PDB file of N, CA and C in Angstrom:
ATOM      1  N   UNK A   1      11.833 -75.664 -67.245  1.00  0.00           N
ATOM      2  CA  UNK A   1      11.067 -74.394 -67.757  1.00  0.00           C
ATOM      3  C   UNK A   1      10.797 -73.893 -66.272  1.00  0.00           C
ATOM      4  N   UNK A   2      10.756 -73.080 -66.406  1.00  0.00           N
ATOM      5  CA  UNK A   2       9.822 -72.242 -64.444  1.00  0.00           C
ATOM      6  C   UNK A   2       8.872 -71.315 -65.051  1.00  0.00           C
ATOM      7  N   UNK A   3       8.225 -71.255 -64.357  1.00  0.00           N
ATOM      8  CA  UNK A   3       6.853 -69.999 -64.556  1.00  0.00           C
ATOM      9  C   UNK A   3       7.096 -68.927 -63.917  1.00  0.00           C
ATOM     10  N   UNK A   4       7.475 -68.094 -64.007  1.00  0.00           N
ATOM     11  CA  UNK A   4       7.719 -66.675 -63.371  1.00  0.00           C
ATOM     12  C   UNK A   4       5.956 -65.958 -62.863  1.00  0.00           C
ATOM     13  N   UNK A   5       5.397 -65.663 -61.689  1.00  0.00           N
ATOM     14  CA  UNK A   5       4.570 -65.604 -61.499  1.00  0.00           C
ATOM     15  C   UNK A   5       3.908 -63.962 -61.885  1.00  0.00           C
ATOM     16  N   UNK A   6       3.226 -64.023 -62.499  1.00  0.00           N
ATOM     17  CA  UNK A   6       2.438 -62.300 -63.361  1.00  0.00           C
ATOM     18  C   UNK A   6       1.225 -62.270 -62.836  1.00  0.00           C
ATOM     19  N   UNK A   7       0.941 -60.747 -62.362  1.00  0.00           N
ATOM     20  CA  UNK A   7      -0.614 -60.482 -61.941  1.00  0.00           C
ATOM     21  C   UNK A   7      -1.370 -59.369 -62.803  1.00  0.00           C
ATOM     22  N   UNK A   8      -2.329 -60.253 -62.935  1.00  0.00           N
ATOM     23  CA  UNK A   8      -3.315 -59.165 -63.803  1.00  0.00           C
ATOM     24  C   UNK A   8      -3.721 -58.253 -63.168  1.00  0.00           C
ATOM     25  N   UNK A   9      -4.162 -56.646 -63.548  1.00  0.00           N
ATOM     26  CA  UNK A   9      -4.818 -55.667 -62.957  1.00  0.00           C
ATOM     27  C   UNK A   9      -4.019 -54.579 -62.568  1.00  0.00           C
ATOM     28  N   UNK A  10      -2.644 -54.618 -62.976  1.00  0.00           N
ATOM     29  CA  UNK A  10      -1.972 -53.478 -62.693  1.00  0.00           C
ATOM     30  C   UNK A  10      -0.862 -52.954 -63.296  1.00  0.00           C
ATOM     31  N   UNK A  11      -0.416 -51.844 -63.731  1.00  0.00           N
ATOM     32  CA  UNK A  11      -0.406 -51.193 -64.820  1.00  0.00           C
ATOM     33  C   UNK A  11       1.257 -51.311 -64.636  1.00  0.00           C
ATOM     34  N   UNK A  12       2.102 -51.320 -63.047  1.00  0.00           N
ATOM     35  CA  UNK A  12       2.875 -51.341 -62.537  1.00  0.00           C
ATOM     36  C   UNK A  12       2.911 -52.574 -62.253  1.00  0.00           C
ATOM     37  N   UNK A  13       4.041 -53.414 -62.136  1.00  0.00           N
ATOM     38  CA  UNK A  13       4.386 -54.368 -61.474  1.00  0.00           C
ATOM     39  C   UNK A  13       6.184 -54.334 -61.261  1.00  0.00           C
ATOM     40  N   UNK A  14       6.139 -54.708 -59.645  1.00  0.00           N
ATOM     41  CA  UNK A  14       7.460 -55.108 -59.645  1.00  0.00           C
ATOM     42  C   UNK A  14       7.731 -56.437 -58.734  1.00  0.00           C
ATOM     43  N   UNK A  15       8.677 -56.921 -59.255  1.00  0.00           N
ATOM     44  CA  UNK A  15       9.276 -58.267 -58.568  1.00  0.00           C
ATOM     45  C   UNK A  15      10.407 -58.631 -58.467  1.00  0.00           C
ATOM     46  N   UNK A  16      10.742 -59.861 -57.814  1.00  0.00           N
ATOM     47  CA  UNK A  16      11.601 -60.063 -58.194  1.00  0.00           C
ATOM     48  C   UNK A  16      12.447 -61.722 -58.048  1.00  0.00           C
ATOM     49  N   UNK A  17      13.000 -62.890 -58.950  1.00  0.00           N
ATOM     50  CA  UNK A  17      13.304 -64.042 -58.834  1.00  0.00           C
ATOM     51  C   UNK A  17      14.595 -64.302 -59.179  1.00  0.00           C
ATOM     52  N   UNK A  18      15.096 -65.427 -58.488  1.00  0.00           N
ATOM     53  CA  UNK A  18      16.400 -66.107 -58.980  1.00  0.00           C
ATOM     54  C   UNK A  18      16.247 -66.573 -60.301  1.00  0.00           C
ATOM     55  N   UNK A  19      16.752 -66.768 -61.162  1.00  0.00           N
ATOM     56  CA  UNK A  19      17.348 -67.118 -62.488  1.00  0.00           C
ATOM     57  C   UNK A  19      18.923 -67.486 -62.738  1.00  0.00           C
ATOM     58  N   UNK A  20      19.337 -68.785 -62.496  1.00  0.00           N
ATOM     59  CA  UNK A  20      20.223 -69.958 -63.449  1.00  0.00           C
ATOM     60  C   UNK A  20      21.220 -68.890 -61.680  1.00  0.00           C
ATOM     61  N   UNK A  21      20.642 -69.032 -60.532  1.00  0.00           N
ATOM     62  CA  UNK A  21      21.320 -69.058 -59.558  1.00  0.00           C
ATOM     63  C   UNK A  21      21.703 -66.993 -59.500  1.00  0.00           C
ATOM     64  N   UNK A  22      21.206 -66.221 -59.786  1.00  0.00           N
ATOM     65  CA  UNK A  22      21.291 -64.740 -60.226  1.00  0.00           C
ATOM     66  C   UNK A  22      19.602 -64.146 -59.557  1.00  0.00           C
ATOM     67  N   UNK A  23      19.688 -63.696 -58.774  1.00  0.00           N
ATOM     68  CA  UNK A  23      18.748 -62.585 -58.247  1.00  0.00           C
ATOM     69  C   UNK A  23      18.493 -61.705 -58.902  1.00  0.00           C
ATOM     70  N   UNK A  24      16.414 -61.645 -60.209  1.00  0.00           N
ATOM     71  CA  UNK A  24      16.889 -60.444 -61.470  1.00  0.00           C
ATOM     72  C   UNK A  24      15.416 -60.205 -60.596  1.00  0.00           C
ATOM     73  N   UNK A  25      15.990 -58.633 -60.661  1.00  0.00           N
ATOM     74  CA  UNK A  25      14.822 -57.691 -60.237  1.00  0.00           C
ATOM     75  C   UNK A  25      13.747 -57.309 -61.420  1.00  0.00           C
ATOM     76  N   UNK A  26      12.721 -57.339 -62.023  1.00  0.00           N
ATOM     77  CA  UNK A  26      11.536 -56.912 -62.712  1.00  0.00           C
ATOM     78  C   UNK A  26      10.776 -55.876 -62.574  1.00  0.00           C
ATOM     79  N   UNK A  27      10.783 -55.049 -63.863  1.00  0.00           N
ATOM     80  CA  UNK A  27       9.703 -53.918 -63.595  1.00  0.00           C
ATOM     81  C   UNK A  27       8.990 -53.960 -64.345  1.00  0.00           C
ATOM     82  N   UNK A  28       7.856 -53.861 -64.309  1.00  0.00           N
ATOM     83  CA  UNK A  28       6.882 -53.882 -65.826  1.00  0.00           C
ATOM     84  C   UNK A  28       6.223 -52.724 -65.608  1.00  0.00           C
ATOM     85  N   UNK A  29       5.880 -52.655 -66.849  1.00  0.00           N
ATOM     86  CA  UNK A  29       5.373 -50.722 -66.739  1.00  0.00           C
ATOM     87  C   UNK A  29       4.150 -50.780 -68.056  1.00  0.00           C
ATOM     88  N   UNK A  30       3.361 -50.838 -67.851  1.00  0.00           N
ATOM     89  CA  UNK A  30       2.183 -50.346 -69.511  1.00  0.00           C
ATOM     90  C   UNK A  30       1.849 -48.827 -69.880  1.00  0.00           C
ATOM     91  N   UNK A  31       2.455 -48.959 -70.709  1.00  0.00           N
ATOM     92  CA  UNK A  31       2.794 -47.936 -72.309  1.00  0.00           C
ATOM     93  C   UNK A  31       1.232 -47.720 -72.716  1.00  0.00           C
ATOM     94  N   UNK A  32       0.737 -46.693 -71.944  1.00  0.00           N
ATOM     95  CA  UNK A  32      -1.002 -46.506 -72.466  1.00  0.00           C
ATOM     96  C   UNK A  32      -0.325 -45.983 -73.951  1.00  0.00           C
ATOM     97  N   UNK A  33       0.021 -45.062 -74.422  1.00  0.00           N
ATOM     98  CA  UNK A  33       0.563 -45.055 -75.556  1.00  0.00           C
ATOM     99  C   UNK A  33       0.484 -45.928 -77.075  1.00  0.00           C
ATOM    100  N   UNK A  34       1.085 -47.118 -76.210  1.00  0.00           N
ATOM    101  CA  UNK A  34       1.507 -48.152 -77.417  1.00  0.00           C
ATOM    102  C   UNK A  34       1.045 -49.486 -76.835  1.00  0.00           C
ATOM    103  N   UNK A  35       0.329 -49.130 -76.069  1.00  0.00           N
ATOM    104  CA  UNK A  35      -0.398 -50.537 -75.542  1.00  0.00           C
ATOM    105  C   UNK A  35       0.222 -52.124 -75.675  1.00  0.00           C
ATOM    106  N   UNK A  36       1.450 -51.825 -74.934  1.00  0.00           N
ATOM    107  CA  UNK A  36       2.064 -52.765 -74.258  1.00  0.00           C
ATOM    108  C   UNK A  36       2.588 -53.026 -73.061  1.00  0.00           C
ATOM    109  N   UNK A  37       3.376 -53.729 -72.450  1.00  0.00           N
ATOM    110  CA  UNK A  37       4.257 -53.431 -70.921  1.00  0.00           C
ATOM    111  C   UNK A  37       5.852 -53.430 -71.278  1.00  0.00           C
ATOM    112  N   UNK A  38       6.924 -52.436 -70.773  1.00  0.00           N
ATOM    113  CA  UNK A  38       8.418 -52.799 -70.877  1.00  0.00           C
ATOM    114  C   UNK A  38       8.877 -53.273 -69.995  1.00  0.00           C
ATOM    115  N   UNK A  39       9.766 -54.519 -70.144  1.00  0.00           N
ATOM    116  CA  UNK A  39      10.532 -54.684 -69.082  1.00  0.00           C
ATOM    117  C   UNK A  39      11.437 -53.657 -68.743  1.00  0.00           C
ATOM    118  N   UNK A  40      11.877 -53.807 -67.325  1.00  0.00           N
ATOM    119  CA  UNK A  40      13.559 -53.582 -66.893  1.00  0.00           C
ATOM    120  C   UNK A  40      13.681 -54.353 -66.197  1.00  0.00           C
ATOM    121  N   UNK A  41      14.982 -55.083 -66.351  1.00  0.00           N
ATOM    122  CA  UNK A  41      15.636 -56.006 -65.519  1.00  0.00           C
ATOM    123  C   UNK A  41      17.176 -56.293 -64.829  1.00  0.00           C
ATOM    124  N   UNK A  42      17.043 -55.806 -63.652  1.00  0.00           N
ATOM    125  CA  UNK A  42      18.314 -55.341 -62.527  1.00  0.00           C
ATOM    126  C   UNK A  42      18.595 -56.519 -61.720  1.00  0.00           C
ATOM    127  N   UNK A  43      20.249 -57.422 -62.151  1.00  0.00           N
ATOM    128  CA  UNK A  43      20.373 -57.803 -61.224  1.00  0.00           C
ATOM    129  C   UNK A  43      20.028 -57.458 -59.455  1.00  0.00           C
ATOM    130  N   UNK A  44      20.850 -57.947 -58.215  1.00  0.00           N
ATOM    131  CA  UNK A  44      20.279 -57.491 -56.972  1.00  0.00           C
ATOM    132  C   UNK A  44      21.319 -56.280 -56.554  1.00  0.00           C
ATOM    133  N   UNK A  45      22.106 -55.936 -57.180  1.00  0.00           N
ATOM    134  CA  UNK A  45      23.251 -54.937 -56.823  1.00  0.00           C
ATOM    135  C   UNK A  45      22.433 -53.443 -57.477  1.00  0.00           C
ATOM    136  N   UNK A  46      21.466 -53.917 -58.536  1.00  0.00           N
ATOM    137  CA  UNK A  46      21.027 -52.965 -59.375  1.00  0.00           C
ATOM    138  C   UNK A  46      21.122 -52.937 -60.652  1.00  0.00           C
ATOM    139  N   UNK A  47      22.749 -53.435 -60.942  1.00  0.00           N
ATOM    140  CA  UNK A  47      23.295 -53.441 -62.275  1.00  0.00           C
ATOM    141  C   UNK A  47      22.015 -53.684 -63.259  1.00  0.00           C
ATOM    142  N   UNK A  48      22.465 -52.898 -64.477  1.00  0.00           N
ATOM    143  CA  UNK A  48      21.083 -53.248 -65.516  1.00  0.00           C
ATOM    144  C   UNK A  48      21.255 -54.573 -66.481  1.00  0.00           C
ATOM    145  N   UNK A  49      20.445 -55.290 -66.443  1.00  0.00           N
ATOM    146  CA  UNK A  49      20.548 -56.269 -67.201  1.00  0.00           C
ATOM    147  C   UNK A  49      19.876 -55.877 -68.841  1.00  0.00           C
ATOM    148  N   UNK A  50      18.456 -55.734 -68.838  1.00  0.00           N
ATOM    149  CA  UNK A  50      17.915 -55.273 -69.782  1.00  0.00           C
ATOM    150  C   UNK A  50      17.044 -54.259 -69.649  1.00  0.00           C
ATOM    151  N   UNK A  51      16.977 -53.384 -69.754  1.00  0.00           N
ATOM    152  CA  UNK A  51      15.801 -52.531 -69.750  1.00  0.00           C
ATOM    153  C   UNK A  51      14.686 -51.862 -70.874  1.00  0.00           C
ATOM    154  N   UNK A  52      13.626 -51.630 -70.603  1.00  0.00           N
ATOM    155  CA  UNK A  52      12.897 -51.232 -71.968  1.00  0.00           C
ATOM    156  C   UNK A  52      12.549 -51.784 -72.755  1.00  0.00           C
ATOM    157  N   UNK A  53      12.920 -53.370 -73.175  1.00  0.00           N
ATOM    158  CA  UNK A  53      12.023 -54.566 -73.456  1.00  0.00           C
ATOM    159  C   UNK A  53      11.003 -54.433 -73.615  1.00  0.00           C
ATOM    160  N   UNK A  54      10.432 -54.239 -74.550  1.00  0.00           N
ATOM    161  CA  UNK A  54       8.872 -54.704 -74.947  1.00  0.00           C
ATOM    162  C   UNK A  54       8.349 -56.049 -74.694  1.00  0.00           C
ATOM    163  N   UNK A  55       7.300 -56.399 -73.840  1.00  0.00           N
ATOM    164  CA  UNK A  55       6.910 -57.780 -73.130  1.00  0.00           C
ATOM    165  C   UNK A  55       6.105 -58.378 -74.081  1.00  0.00           C
ATOM    166  N   UNK A  56       6.557 -59.136 -75.628  1.00  0.00           N
ATOM    167  CA  UNK A  56       5.355 -59.383 -77.117  1.00  0.00           C
ATOM    168  C   UNK A  56       5.669 -61.003 -76.788  1.00  0.00           C
ATOM    169  N   UNK A  57       4.789 -61.862 -77.287  1.00  0.00           N
ATOM    170  CA  UNK A  57       4.732 -63.112 -77.656  1.00  0.00           C
ATOM    171  C   UNK A  57       5.852 -63.561 -77.942  1.00  0.00           C
ATOM    172  N   UNK A  58       6.709 -64.853 -77.255  1.00  0.00           N
ATOM    173  CA  UNK A  58       7.345 -65.316 -78.168  1.00  0.00           C
ATOM    174  C   UNK A  58       8.945 -64.491 -78.085  1.00  0.00           C
ATOM    175  N   UNK A  59       9.238 -63.671 -77.526  1.00  0.00           N
ATOM    176  CA  UNK A  59      10.286 -63.061 -77.852  1.00  0.00           C
ATOM    177  C   UNK A  59      10.912 -62.974 -76.126  1.00  0.00           C
ATOM    178  N   UNK A  60      12.557 -63.611 -77.045  1.00  0.00           N
ATOM    179  CA  UNK A  60      13.089 -64.127 -75.538  1.00  0.00           C
ATOM    180  C   UNK A  60      13.660 -62.167 -74.825  1.00  0.00           C
ATOM    181  N   UNK A  61      13.516 -62.262 -74.423  1.00  0.00           N
ATOM    182  CA  UNK A  61      14.201 -60.488 -73.189  1.00  0.00           C
ATOM    183  C   UNK A  61      15.718 -60.763 -73.284  1.00  0.00           C
ATOM    184  N   UNK A  62      16.029 -61.807 -73.388  1.00  0.00           N
ATOM    185  CA  UNK A  62      17.621 -61.782 -73.053  1.00  0.00           C
ATOM    186  C   UNK A  62      18.212 -62.106 -74.657  1.00  0.00           C
ATOM    187  N   UNK A  63      17.318 -62.193 -75.004  1.00  0.00           N
ATOM    188  CA  UNK A  63      17.965 -62.559 -76.829  1.00  0.00           C
ATOM    189  C   UNK A  63      19.588 -61.724 -76.990  1.00  0.00           C
ATOM    190  N   UNK A  64      20.723 -61.782 -76.950  1.00  0.00           N
ATOM    191  CA  UNK A  64      21.573 -61.096 -77.558  1.00  0.00           C
ATOM    192  C   UNK A  64      22.200 -60.153 -76.844  1.00  0.00           C
ATOM    193  N   UNK A  65      21.958 -60.947 -75.380  1.00  0.00           N
ATOM    194  CA  UNK A  65      22.696 -60.394 -74.420  1.00  0.00           C
ATOM    195  C   UNK A  65      23.987 -61.432 -73.482  1.00  0.00           C
ATOM    196  N   UNK A  66      23.929 -62.240 -73.834  1.00  0.00           N
ATOM    197  CA  UNK A  66      25.252 -63.436 -73.873  1.00  0.00           C
ATOM    198  C   UNK A  66      25.464 -63.253 -72.402  1.00  0.00           C
ATOM    199  N   UNK A  67      24.463 -63.464 -72.031  1.00  0.00           N
ATOM    200  CA  UNK A  67      24.226 -63.290 -69.817  1.00  0.00           C
ATOM    201  C   UNK A  67      24.716 -64.749 -68.976  1.00  0.00           C
ATOM    202  N   UNK A  68      24.580 -66.066 -69.849  1.00  0.00           N
ATOM    203  CA  UNK A  68      24.323 -67.586 -69.518  1.00  0.00           C
ATOM    204  C   UNK A  68      22.930 -67.049 -68.233  1.00  0.00           C
ATOM    205  N   UNK A  69      22.193 -66.842 -68.596  1.00  0.00           N
ATOM    206  CA  UNK A  69      21.136 -66.479 -67.679  1.00  0.00           C
ATOM    207  C   UNK A  69      19.814 -67.506 -68.071  1.00  0.00           C
ATOM    208  N   UNK A  70      20.125 -67.966 -69.501  1.00  0.00           N
ATOM    209  CA  UNK A  70      18.675 -68.980 -70.289  1.00  0.00           C
ATOM    210  C   UNK A  70      18.239 -67.958 -70.954  1.00  0.00           C
ATOM    211  N   UNK A  71      17.059 -68.077 -71.210  1.00  0.00           N
ATOM    212  CA  UNK A  71      16.045 -67.421 -72.230  1.00  0.00           C
ATOM    213  C   UNK A  71      14.187 -67.277 -71.233  1.00  0.00           C
ATOM    214  N   UNK A  72      14.033 -65.884 -70.967  1.00  0.00           N
ATOM    215  CA  UNK A  72      13.049 -65.651 -70.504  1.00  0.00           C
ATOM    216  C   UNK A  72      12.015 -65.094 -71.391  1.00  0.00           C
ATOM    217  N   UNK A  73      10.486 -66.062 -71.838  1.00  0.00           N
ATOM    218  CA  UNK A  73       9.895 -65.557 -72.824  1.00  0.00           C
ATOM    219  C   UNK A  73       8.206 -65.948 -72.681  1.00  0.00           C
ATOM    220  N   UNK A  74       7.959 -64.597 -72.954  1.00  0.00           N
ATOM    221  CA  UNK A  74       6.134 -64.517 -72.553  1.00  0.00           C
ATOM    222  C   UNK A  74       5.445 -65.903 -73.922  1.00  0.00           C
ATOM    223  N   UNK A  75       4.548 -66.256 -73.232  1.00  0.00           N
ATOM    224  CA  UNK A  75       4.102 -67.850 -73.783  1.00  0.00           C
ATOM    225  C   UNK A  75       2.240 -67.114 -73.831  1.00  0.00           C
ATOM    226  N   UNK A  76       1.256 -67.169 -75.143  1.00  0.00           N
ATOM    227  CA  UNK A  76       0.425 -67.057 -74.685  1.00  0.00           C
ATOM    228  C   UNK A  76       0.395 -65.825 -75.608  1.00  0.00           C
ATOM    229  N   UNK A  77      -0.878 -65.047 -74.675  1.00  0.00           N
ATOM    230  CA  UNK A  77      -1.754 -63.990 -75.761  1.00  0.00           C
ATOM    231  C   UNK A  77      -0.752 -63.083 -75.278  1.00  0.00           C
ATOM    232  N   UNK A  78      -0.881 -61.889 -76.300  1.00  0.00           N
ATOM    233  CA  UNK A  78      -0.062 -60.397 -76.301  1.00  0.00           C
ATOM    234  C   UNK A  78      -1.177 -59.900 -74.570  1.00  0.00           C
ATOM    235  N   UNK A  79       0.228 -59.185 -73.866  1.00  0.00           N
ATOM    236  CA  UNK A  79      -0.255 -58.769 -72.605  1.00  0.00           C
ATOM    237  C   UNK A  79      -1.177 -57.680 -72.461  1.00  0.00           C
ATOM    238  N   UNK A  80      -2.012 -57.519 -71.932  1.00  0.00           N
ATOM    239  CA  UNK A  80      -3.038 -56.264 -71.421  1.00  0.00           C
ATOM    240  C   UNK A  80      -2.972 -56.147 -69.929  1.00  0.00           C
ATOM    241  N   UNK A  81      -3.633 -55.487 -69.424  1.00  0.00           N
ATOM    242  CA  UNK A  81      -3.396 -54.918 -67.760  1.00  0.00           C
ATOM    243  C   UNK A  81      -4.529 -56.138 -67.059  1.00  0.00           C
ATOM    244  N   UNK A  82      -5.289 -56.104 -68.554  1.00  0.00           N
ATOM    245  CA  UNK A  82      -6.637 -57.108 -67.994  1.00  0.00           C
ATOM    246  C   UNK A  82      -6.021 -59.026 -67.776  1.00  0.00           C
ATOM    247  N   UNK A  83      -5.585 -58.873 -68.709  1.00  0.00           N
ATOM    248  CA  UNK A  83      -5.028 -60.877 -69.089  1.00  0.00           C
ATOM    249  C   UNK A  83      -3.472 -61.202 -69.034  1.00  0.00           C
ATOM    250  N   UNK A  84      -2.596 -60.034 -68.521  1.00  0.00           N
ATOM    251  CA  UNK A  84      -1.242 -60.516 -67.723  1.00  0.00           C
ATOM    252  C   UNK A  84      -1.254 -61.716 -66.698  1.00  0.00           C
ATOM    253  N   UNK A  85      -0.617 -62.351 -66.883  1.00  0.00           N
ATOM    254  CA  UNK A  85      -0.910 -63.881 -66.321  1.00  0.00           C
ATOM    255  C   UNK A  85      -1.929 -64.505 -66.274  1.00  0.00           C
ATOM    256  N   UNK A  86      -2.472 -64.724 -67.332  1.00  0.00           N
ATOM    257  CA  UNK A  86      -3.968 -65.305 -66.944  1.00  0.00           C
ATOM    258  C   UNK A  86      -3.930 -66.106 -68.373  1.00  0.00           C
ATOM    259  N   UNK A  87      -4.001 -65.437 -69.317  1.00  0.00           N
ATOM    260  CA  UNK A  87      -3.642 -65.763 -71.261  1.00  0.00           C
ATOM    261  C   UNK A  87      -2.353 -66.190 -71.722  1.00  0.00           C
ATOM    262  N   UNK A  88      -1.324 -65.890 -70.625  1.00  0.00           N
ATOM    263  CA  UNK A  88      -0.266 -65.891 -71.370  1.00  0.00           C
ATOM    264  C   UNK A  88       0.603 -65.755 -69.687  1.00  0.00           C
ATOM    265  N   UNK A  89       2.009 -66.520 -69.944  1.00  0.00           N
ATOM    266  CA  UNK A  89       2.909 -67.088 -69.049  1.00  0.00           C
ATOM    267  C   UNK A  89       4.067 -66.618 -69.441  1.00  0.00           C
ATOM    268  N   UNK A  90       4.894 -66.001 -68.022  1.00  0.00           N
ATOM    269  CA  UNK A  90       6.168 -65.498 -68.185  1.00  0.00           C
ATOM    270  C   UNK A  90       7.024 -66.547 -68.144  1.00  0.00           C
ATOM    271  N   UNK A  91       8.083 -67.421 -68.886  1.00  0.00           N
ATOM    272  CA  UNK A  91       8.509 -69.003 -68.561  1.00  0.00           C
ATOM    273  C   UNK A  91       9.798 -68.271 -68.895  1.00  0.00           C
ATOM    274  N   UNK A  92      10.621 -69.277 -68.142  1.00  0.00           N
ATOM    275  CA  UNK A  92      12.250 -69.018 -67.994  1.00  0.00           C
ATOM    276  C   UNK A  92      12.827 -70.299 -68.598  1.00  0.00           C
ATOM    277  N   UNK A  93      13.545 -70.397 -69.256  1.00  0.00           N
ATOM    278  CA  UNK A  93      14.043 -71.582 -69.105  1.00  0.00           C
ATOM    279  C   UNK A  93      15.787 -71.512 -69.520  1.00  0.00           C
ATOM    280  N   UNK A  94      16.374 -72.555 -68.847  1.00  0.00           N
ATOM    281  CA  UNK A  94      17.587 -72.358 -68.397  1.00  0.00           C
ATOM    282  C   UNK A  94      18.671 -72.485 -69.622  1.00  0.00           C
ATOM    283  N   UNK A  95      20.011 -72.076 -69.865  1.00  0.00           N
ATOM    284  CA  UNK A  95      20.885 -72.892 -70.872  1.00  0.00           C
ATOM    285  C   UNK A  95      20.702 -74.301 -70.776  1.00  0.00           C
ATOM    286  N   UNK A  96      21.281 -74.855 -71.980  1.00  0.00           N
ATOM    287  CA  UNK A  96      21.104 -75.807 -72.635  1.00  0.00           C
ATOM    288  C   UNK A  96      22.570 -76.570 -72.502  1.00  0.00           C
TER     289      UNK A  96
END
């Protein structure tokens, strides 16, 4: 298990991490209308992994994609701009 650092206070975040040997670029955008973050994940070359997935507690962002990248799950409270990365953690679990 690895914690992917998140920063509170921003409606838009962009960062990259290496998961299972693959560099993944994350883009989180706050939806004011729906009050949640959406997540786009792309490989280093820009190829889409997952686009527009909602960032909700206990939901695997990679579910159903068969990518051998493991699981990426938000644990804790539902994220807001104020509590992102404080009362919740984005965690990566490798495939077993």
